[in-house]
Each structure stands twice: as structure tokens, then as C-alpha cells.
Amino acid sequence: MTIVVGVITARQVLDSQAALRLVVVALCVAVAVGLPLAFPHDGGPTDVDRDIAAPIHTALDSHPGVYRALVIPSNGYILIPLLLAAACWFAYRGEWWRAATMLVVPELAVAINTWLLKPLWDRPLHDYLAYPSGHTVHLVAIATTFALLVDSARARAVVLTLAAVALFGAAVGMIGLGYHLPTDIVGGTAAAIAMVTVLCWAALRPSVRARSRH
């Protein structure tokens, strides 16, 4: 009887987690797909972009070094070592499938964004396609992948908090330097969360099924 109750409880937990992830993915897809509907025909800034960017430029344009410092956490030379460190952490614990997932999922999300999503929405800025923001996708994808893979609630909370702070700072820096419009960053965040949630679910589904049988 205890075993049966335990199995039922485990399945209920898995079902609730699946439902929550489905809601998150649906909301993020709605944001990522809905934002471009408000873009001007030339892909320029929206009223929301201007409203968000104006106080940033007013406050910090006289200190461009602040912008450059704030964008550092979104650069590849910072993110790639963090990605490798996270994968090594799972490998050290003997969680080899999670280590592989940690390595593959964020980079796959970046590739999908670069080769599919950016050309799909075709929002030019300077000499590149800006929507969704690639730097944002990379940062958010790494943090979200780790949060979905790790079992420790404390580690998850710490990583997500640090990632949120880093993303906020990087967003201010990218907007101030003209690298991205605010909606590029919001769309990149939503796209990254949606892609990573689906990819991690697909990667971990076999192991979750195996554990639920036991």
C-alpha cells in the first residue's frame, strides 16, 4: 500500500511539474512571438523601447564606462567558462547525463536563435539581426538549464538571483551602448526560457520515466 501511494504521489508531482512547465513555455512563446507584432515595418524602436531607454541614457550617457562594465557578464568569455563549470559540477557528482545536457542545451538554444529565430523576425540593427538578443539568450539559457537540472533549491535560488542581477545590468549596458533595444532583450529572455524548458524536458524525459517506475 505504501509503495502504491508513493508511486501515485510521484506521478502527481511529475504531472504538476509538467503542467507548470507547459504554462511557462506557453507564456514565454506568447511574449517572444507577440512582441514582433508591435515592431515598426523597418524594425525600429517601439514606444516601449523609447520609454525604457530614455531614463537609462539620461542617467548614464555621461559615464560610458559603466555601460561597458555592465555588459561584461553577457560576453562569451564569461559565459562559456560558467557553462563548463556547471557541467563539470554535475560530472563531479556522477550525474553524467545532466552534465551532457548542461553542455548541449544552452548552445543548442543559441544556435536555434541565431539560425532560425533571428532570420525569422528579421529585425536589423546596425549590421546584424537584433531580435531576439543573442547575448541575452546565452546568459538566460545557461542559468535556466542549470536551474532545471539541479536538485538543490538553494543552489537554484542563488543561480537564478545572480542571473537576474547580471541580466538587468547587461540589459542596461546593451541598451546604453546601442547594442540592443529593450524588446530585443525581453524577447531573448522569453525565447531562451521556452527553448531551454522544452529541450531539458526532452533530454531528461527517459530518466524521469525510469525513476517513476521505481
C-alpha atoms as a PDB file:
ATOM      1  CA  MET A   1       0.000   0.000   0.000  1.00  0.00           C
ATOM      2  CA  THR A   2       2.828   2.404   0.908  1.00  0.00           C
ATOM      3  CA  ILE A   3       4.552   1.686  -2.400  1.00  0.00           C
ATOM      4  CA  VAL A   4       1.354   2.352  -4.334  1.00  0.00           C
ATOM      5  CA  VAL A   5       0.791   5.655  -2.518  1.00  0.00           C
ATOM      6  CA  GLY A   6       4.398   6.622  -3.167  1.00  0.00           C
ATOM      7  CA  VAL A   7       4.065   5.882  -6.885  1.00  0.00           C
ATOM      8  CA  ILE A   8       0.832   7.874  -7.100  1.00  0.00           C
ATOM      9  CA  THR A   9       2.400  10.805  -5.255  1.00  0.00           C
ATOM     10  CA  ALA A  10       5.452  10.742  -7.525  1.00  0.00           C
ATOM     11  CA  ARG A  11       3.241  10.762 -10.591  1.00  0.00           C
ATOM     12  CA  GLN A  12       1.205  13.658  -9.211  1.00  0.00           C
ATOM     13  CA  VAL A  13       4.380  15.645  -8.628  1.00  0.00           C
ATOM     14  CA  LEU A  14       5.604  14.894 -12.139  1.00  0.00           C
ATOM     15  CA  ASP A  15       2.224  15.833 -13.606  1.00  0.00           C
ATOM     16  CA  SER A  16       2.174  19.134 -11.695  1.00  0.00           C
ATOM     17  CA  GLN A  17       5.720  19.922 -12.803  1.00  0.00           C
ATOM     18  CA  ALA A  18       4.817  19.131 -16.408  1.00  0.00           C
ATOM     19  CA  ALA A  19       1.763  21.383 -16.202  1.00  0.00           C
ATOM     20  CA  LEU A  20       3.818  24.226 -14.730  1.00  0.00           C
ATOM     21  CA  ARG A  21       6.455  23.899 -17.442  1.00  0.00           C
ATOM     22  CA  LEU A  22       3.763  23.885 -20.113  1.00  0.00           C
ATOM     23  CA  VAL A  23       2.331  27.132 -18.733  1.00  0.00           C
ATOM     24  CA  VAL A  24       5.792  28.726 -18.595  1.00  0.00           C
ATOM     25  CA  VAL A  25       6.584  27.685 -22.164  1.00  0.00           C
ATOM     26  CA  ALA A  26       3.210  28.945 -23.421  1.00  0.00           C
ATOM     27  CA  LEU A  27       3.660  32.338 -21.729  1.00  0.00           C
ATOM     28  CA  CYS A  28       7.219  32.737 -22.990  1.00  0.00           C
ATOM     29  CA  VAL A  29       6.265  31.761 -26.536  1.00  0.00           C
ATOM     30  CA  ALA A  30       3.403  34.268 -26.411  1.00  0.00           C
ATOM     31  CA  VAL A  31       5.842  37.019 -25.373  1.00  0.00           C
ATOM     32  CA  ALA A  32       8.533  36.085 -27.911  1.00  0.00           C
ATOM     33  CA  VAL A  33       6.034  35.816 -30.769  1.00  0.00           C
ATOM     34  CA  GLY A  34       3.811  38.700 -29.670  1.00  0.00           C
ATOM     35  CA  LEU A  35       6.466  41.393 -29.313  1.00  0.00           C
ATOM     36  CA  PRO A  36       7.404  41.494 -33.027  1.00  0.00           C
ATOM     37  CA  LEU A  37       3.780  42.253 -33.876  1.00  0.00           C
ATOM     38  CA  ALA A  38       4.356  45.717 -32.400  1.00  0.00           C
ATOM     39  CA  PHE A  39       7.587  46.396 -34.315  1.00  0.00           C
ATOM     40  CA  PRO A  40       7.524  49.107 -36.985  1.00  0.00           C
ATOM     41  CA  HIS A  41       7.961  47.909 -40.563  1.00  0.00           C
ATOM     42  CA  ASP A  42      11.622  48.916 -40.542  1.00  0.00           C
ATOM     43  CA  GLY A  43      12.243  47.042 -37.270  1.00  0.00           C
ATOM     44  CA  GLY A  44      12.994  50.245 -35.398  1.00  0.00           C
ATOM     45  CA  PRO A  45      12.239  51.050 -31.768  1.00  0.00           C
ATOM     46  CA  THR A  46       8.729  50.875 -30.390  1.00  0.00           C
ATOM     47  CA  ASP A  47       7.267  53.374 -27.946  1.00  0.00           C
ATOM     48  CA  VAL A  48       8.068  50.903 -25.158  1.00  0.00           C
ATOM     49  CA  ASP A  49      11.704  50.775 -26.293  1.00  0.00           C
ATOM     50  CA  ARG A  50      11.932  54.563 -26.172  1.00  0.00           C
ATOM     51  CA  ASP A  51      10.244  54.803 -22.786  1.00  0.00           C
ATOM     52  CA  ILE A  52      12.648  52.272 -21.255  1.00  0.00           C
ATOM     53  CA  ALA A  53      15.785  53.593 -22.938  1.00  0.00           C
ATOM     54  CA  ALA A  54      15.238  57.298 -22.224  1.00  0.00           C
ATOM     55  CA  PRO A  55      15.931  57.288 -18.446  1.00  0.00           C
ATOM     56  CA  ILE A  56      18.937  54.990 -18.959  1.00  0.00           C
ATOM     57  CA  HIS A  57      20.526  57.395 -21.429  1.00  0.00           C
ATOM     58  CA  THR A  58      19.678  60.378 -19.238  1.00  0.00           C
ATOM     59  CA  ALA A  59      21.300  58.837 -16.181  1.00  0.00           C
ATOM     60  CA  LEU A  60      24.369  57.130 -17.626  1.00  0.00           C
ATOM     61  CA  ASP A  61      25.333  58.500 -21.049  1.00  0.00           C
ATOM     62  CA  SER A  62      27.941  60.689 -19.373  1.00  0.00           C
ATOM     63  CA  HIS A  63      29.571  57.520 -17.985  1.00  0.00           C
ATOM     64  CA  PRO A  64      30.033  55.143 -20.967  1.00  0.00           C
ATOM     65  CA  GLY A  65      32.478  53.059 -18.972  1.00  0.00           C
ATOM     66  CA  VAL A  66      29.584  51.951 -16.776  1.00  0.00           C
ATOM     67  CA  TYR A  67      27.800  50.569 -19.822  1.00  0.00           C
ATOM     68  CA  ARG A  68      30.867  48.630 -20.903  1.00  0.00           C
ATOM     69  CA  ALA A  69      31.309  47.180 -17.411  1.00  0.00           C
ATOM     70  CA  LEU A  70      27.660  46.161 -17.166  1.00  0.00           C
ATOM     71  CA  VAL A  71      27.685  44.140 -20.391  1.00  0.00           C
ATOM     72  CA  ILE A  72      30.659  42.012 -19.314  1.00  0.00           C
ATOM     73  CA  PRO A  73      28.543  39.196 -17.751  1.00  0.00           C
ATOM     74  CA  SER A  74      26.796  38.667 -21.104  1.00  0.00           C
ATOM     75  CA  ASN A  75      30.016  38.096 -23.042  1.00  0.00           C
ATOM     76  CA  GLY A  76      31.088  34.671 -24.220  1.00  0.00           C
ATOM     77  CA  TYR A  77      34.413  34.745 -22.406  1.00  0.00           C
ATOM     78  CA  ILE A  78      32.445  34.875 -19.150  1.00  0.00           C
ATOM     79  CA  LEU A  79      29.523  32.624 -20.082  1.00  0.00           C
ATOM     80  CA  ILE A  80      31.473  29.742 -21.631  1.00  0.00           C
ATOM     81  CA  PRO A  81      33.642  29.156 -18.515  1.00  0.00           C
ATOM     82  CA  LEU A  82      30.494  29.284 -16.368  1.00  0.00           C
ATOM     83  CA  LEU A  83      28.832  26.754 -18.655  1.00  0.00           C
ATOM     84  CA  LEU A  84      31.834  24.431 -18.424  1.00  0.00           C
ATOM     85  CA  ALA A  85      31.999  24.861 -14.642  1.00  0.00           C
ATOM     86  CA  ALA A  86      28.334  23.910 -14.299  1.00  0.00           C
ATOM     87  CA  ALA A  87      28.791  20.832 -16.494  1.00  0.00           C
ATOM     88  CA  CYS A  88      31.881  19.816 -14.500  1.00  0.00           C
ATOM     89  CA  TRP A  89      29.908  20.203 -11.280  1.00  0.00           C
ATOM     90  CA  PHE A  90      27.314  17.678 -12.464  1.00  0.00           C
ATOM     91  CA  ALA A  91      30.059  15.379 -13.760  1.00  0.00           C
ATOM     92  CA  TYR A  92      31.868  15.528 -10.407  1.00  0.00           C
ATOM     93  CA  ARG A  93      28.662  14.342  -8.758  1.00  0.00           C
ATOM     94  CA  GLY A  94      28.443  11.457 -11.207  1.00  0.00           C
ATOM     95  CA  GLU A  95      25.389  12.913 -12.956  1.00  0.00           C
ATOM     96  CA  TRP A  96      26.741  12.350 -16.426  1.00  0.00           C
ATOM     97  CA  TRP A  97      23.506  12.774 -18.355  1.00  0.00           C
ATOM     98  CA  ARG A  98      22.853  16.098 -16.626  1.00  0.00           C
ATOM     99  CA  ALA A  99      26.418  17.179 -17.347  1.00  0.00           C
ATOM    100  CA  ALA A 100      25.923  16.425 -21.045  1.00  0.00           C
ATOM    101  CA  THR A 101      22.566  18.200 -21.019  1.00  0.00           C
ATOM    102  CA  MET A 102      24.165  21.208 -19.341  1.00  0.00           C
ATOM    103  CA  LEU A 103      26.741  21.395 -22.112  1.00  0.00           C
ATOM    104  CA  VAL A 104      24.429  20.879 -25.064  1.00  0.00           C
ATOM    105  CA  VAL A 105      21.143  22.633 -24.276  1.00  0.00           C
ATOM    106  CA  PRO A 106      22.317  26.270 -23.888  1.00  0.00           C
ATOM    107  CA  GLU A 107      24.468  26.098 -27.016  1.00  0.00           C
ATOM    108  CA  LEU A 108      21.639  24.479 -28.960  1.00  0.00           C
ATOM    109  CA  ALA A 109      19.328  27.284 -27.843  1.00  0.00           C
ATOM    110  CA  VAL A 110      21.872  29.842 -29.073  1.00  0.00           C
ATOM    111  CA  ALA A 111      22.154  28.043 -32.418  1.00  0.00           C
ATOM    112  CA  ILE A 112      18.369  27.937 -32.854  1.00  0.00           C
ATOM    113  CA  ASN A 113      18.182  31.622 -32.025  1.00  0.00           C
ATOM    114  CA  THR A 114      20.979  32.541 -34.424  1.00  0.00           C
ATOM    115  CA  TRP A 115      19.981  30.449 -37.405  1.00  0.00           C
ATOM    116  CA  LEU A 116      16.199  30.295 -37.069  1.00  0.00           C
ATOM    117  CA  LEU A 117      14.651  32.934 -34.825  1.00  0.00           C
ATOM    118  CA  LYS A 118      16.726  35.956 -35.849  1.00  0.00           C
ATOM    119  CA  PRO A 119      16.193  35.410 -39.602  1.00  0.00           C
ATOM    120  CA  LEU A 120      12.531  34.621 -38.963  1.00  0.00           C
ATOM    121  CA  TRP A 121      11.830  38.019 -37.368  1.00  0.00           C
ATOM    122  CA  ASP A 122      14.493  39.877 -39.331  1.00  0.00           C
ATOM    123  CA  ARG A 123      14.907  42.937 -37.116  1.00  0.00           C
ATOM    124  CA  PRO A 124      18.029  44.746 -38.351  1.00  0.00           C
ATOM    125  CA  LEU A 125      20.142  46.901 -36.082  1.00  0.00           C
ATOM    126  CA  HIS A 126      23.442  48.323 -37.315  1.00  0.00           C
ATOM    127  CA  ASP A 127      24.906  45.418 -39.331  1.00  0.00           C
ATOM    128  CA  TYR A 128      23.244  42.468 -37.547  1.00  0.00           C
ATOM    129  CA  LEU A 129      19.865  40.994 -36.675  1.00  0.00           C
ATOM    130  CA  ALA A 130      18.916  42.057 -33.175  1.00  0.00           C
ATOM    131  CA  TYR A 131      15.785  40.139 -32.207  1.00  0.00           C
ATOM    132  CA  PRO A 132      15.949  38.091 -30.050  1.00  0.00           C
ATOM    133  CA  SER A 133      19.153  39.272 -28.384  1.00  0.00           C
ATOM    134  CA  GLY A 134      21.806  36.560 -28.697  1.00  0.00           C
ATOM    135  CA  HIS A 135      23.750  37.664 -25.628  1.00  0.00           C
ATOM    136  CA  THR A 136      20.541  37.534 -23.619  1.00  0.00           C
ATOM    137  CA  VAL A 137      19.630  34.088 -24.930  1.00  0.00           C
ATOM    138  CA  HIS A 138      23.055  32.736 -23.995  1.00  0.00           C
ATOM    139  CA  LEU A 139      23.037  34.117 -20.448  1.00  0.00           C
ATOM    140  CA  VAL A 140      19.441  33.125 -19.707  1.00  0.00           C
ATOM    141  CA  ALA A 141      19.817  29.705 -21.340  1.00  0.00           C
ATOM    142  CA  ILE A 142      22.788  28.768 -19.151  1.00  0.00           C
ATOM    143  CA  ALA A 143      21.094  29.914 -15.942  1.00  0.00           C
ATOM    144  CA  THR A 144      17.769  28.292 -16.811  1.00  0.00           C
ATOM    145  CA  THR A 145      19.373  24.996 -17.800  1.00  0.00           C
ATOM    146  CA  PHE A 146      21.255  24.799 -14.524  1.00  0.00           C
ATOM    147  CA  ALA A 147      18.123  25.722 -12.552  1.00  0.00           C
ATOM    148  CA  LEU A 148      16.116  22.970 -14.261  1.00  0.00           C
ATOM    149  CA  LEU A 149      18.818  20.342 -13.776  1.00  0.00           C
ATOM    150  CA  VAL A 150      19.934  20.976 -10.200  1.00  0.00           C
ATOM    151  CA  ASP A 151      18.105  19.288  -7.317  1.00  0.00           C
ATOM    152  CA  SER A 152      19.109  21.786  -4.628  1.00  0.00           C
ATOM    153  CA  ALA A 153      16.508  24.516  -4.144  1.00  0.00           C
ATOM    154  CA  ARG A 154      19.147  26.727  -2.525  1.00  0.00           C
ATOM    155  CA  ALA A 155      21.548  26.403  -5.462  1.00  0.00           C
ATOM    156  CA  ARG A 156      18.677  27.059  -7.865  1.00  0.00           C
ATOM    157  CA  ALA A 157      17.626  30.200  -5.995  1.00  0.00           C
ATOM    158  CA  VAL A 158      21.192  31.533  -5.810  1.00  0.00           C
ATOM    159  CA  VAL A 159      21.865  30.968  -9.504  1.00  0.00           C
ATOM    160  CA  LEU A 160      18.580  32.497 -10.636  1.00  0.00           C
ATOM    161  CA  THR A 161      19.078  35.523  -8.385  1.00  0.00           C
ATOM    162  CA  LEU A 162      22.615  36.116  -9.667  1.00  0.00           C
ATOM    163  CA  ALA A 163      21.465  35.605 -13.248  1.00  0.00           C
ATOM    164  CA  ALA A 164      18.625  38.107 -12.803  1.00  0.00           C
ATOM    165  CA  VAL A 165      21.030  40.713 -11.424  1.00  0.00           C
ATOM    166  CA  ALA A 166      23.543  40.060 -14.223  1.00  0.00           C
ATOM    167  CA  LEU A 167      20.815  40.219 -16.864  1.00  0.00           C
ATOM    168  CA  PHE A 168      19.474  43.504 -15.525  1.00  0.00           C
ATOM    169  CA  GLY A 169      22.937  45.051 -15.575  1.00  0.00           C
ATOM    170  CA  ALA A 170      23.733  43.653 -19.015  1.00  0.00           C
ATOM    171  CA  ALA A 171      20.400  44.952 -20.317  1.00  0.00           C
ATOM    172  CA  VAL A 172      21.208  48.471 -19.120  1.00  0.00           C
ATOM    173  CA  GLY A 173      24.649  48.217 -20.716  1.00  0.00           C
ATOM    174  CA  MET A 174      23.389  46.860 -24.051  1.00  0.00           C
ATOM    175  CA  ILE A 175      20.661  49.498 -24.259  1.00  0.00           C
ATOM    176  CA  GLY A 176      23.063  52.289 -23.319  1.00  0.00           C
ATOM    177  CA  LEU A 177      25.664  51.239 -25.886  1.00  0.00           C
ATOM    178  CA  GLY A 178      23.006  50.801 -28.562  1.00  0.00           C
ATOM    179  CA  TYR A 179      23.684  47.089 -28.970  1.00  0.00           C
ATOM    180  CA  HIS A 180      20.033  46.173 -28.449  1.00  0.00           C
ATOM    181  CA  LEU A 181      16.605  47.648 -27.943  1.00  0.00           C
ATOM    182  CA  PRO A 182      14.779  46.695 -24.735  1.00  0.00           C
ATOM    183  CA  THR A 183      12.307  44.496 -26.602  1.00  0.00           C
ATOM    184  CA  ASP A 184      15.224  42.518 -28.068  1.00  0.00           C
ATOM    185  CA  ILE A 185      16.260  41.653 -24.519  1.00  0.00           C
ATOM    186  CA  VAL A 186      12.762  40.820 -23.297  1.00  0.00           C
ATOM    187  CA  GLY A 187      12.200  38.632 -26.340  1.00  0.00           C
ATOM    188  CA  GLY A 188      15.567  36.957 -25.862  1.00  0.00           C
ATOM    189  CA  THR A 189      14.741  36.161 -22.253  1.00  0.00           C
ATOM    190  CA  ALA A 190      11.372  34.665 -23.183  1.00  0.00           C
ATOM    191  CA  ALA A 191      12.778  32.704 -26.118  1.00  0.00           C
ATOM    192  CA  ALA A 192      15.623  31.279 -24.031  1.00  0.00           C
ATOM    193  CA  ILE A 193      13.346  30.127 -21.216  1.00  0.00           C
ATOM    194  CA  ALA A 194      10.923  28.500 -23.648  1.00  0.00           C
ATOM    195  CA  MET A 195      13.624  26.712 -25.653  1.00  0.00           C
ATOM    196  CA  VAL A 196      15.565  25.502 -22.628  1.00  0.00           C
ATOM    197  CA  THR A 197      12.452  24.265 -20.839  1.00  0.00           C
ATOM    198  CA  VAL A 198      11.428  22.169 -23.842  1.00  0.00           C
ATOM    199  CA  LEU A 199      14.941  20.910 -24.557  1.00  0.00           C
ATOM    200  CA  CYS A 200      15.624  19.922 -20.944  1.00  0.00           C
ATOM    201  CA  TRP A 201      12.261  18.171 -20.734  1.00  0.00           C
ATOM    202  CA  ALA A 202      13.111  16.187 -23.856  1.00  0.00           C
ATOM    203  CA  ALA A 203      16.612  15.374 -22.611  1.00  0.00           C
ATOM    204  CA  LEU A 204      15.554  14.265 -19.124  1.00  0.00           C
ATOM    205  CA  ARG A 205      12.290  12.531 -20.010  1.00  0.00           C
ATOM    206  CA  PRO A 206      13.791   8.997 -20.244  1.00  0.00           C
ATOM    207  CA  SER A 207      15.462   9.244 -16.828  1.00  0.00           C
ATOM    208  CA  VAL A 208      12.325  10.713 -15.233  1.00  0.00           C
ATOM    209  CA  ARG A 209      10.239   7.855 -16.589  1.00  0.00           C
ATOM    210  CA  ALA A 210      12.733   5.316 -15.283  1.00  0.00           C
ATOM    211  CA  ARG A 211      12.661   6.834 -11.788  1.00  0.00           C
ATOM    212  CA  SER A 212       8.860   6.990 -11.743  1.00  0.00           C
ATOM    213  CA  ARG A 213       8.673   3.239 -12.434  1.00  0.00           C
ATOM    214  CA  HIS A 214      10.806   2.577  -9.363  1.00  0.00           C
END
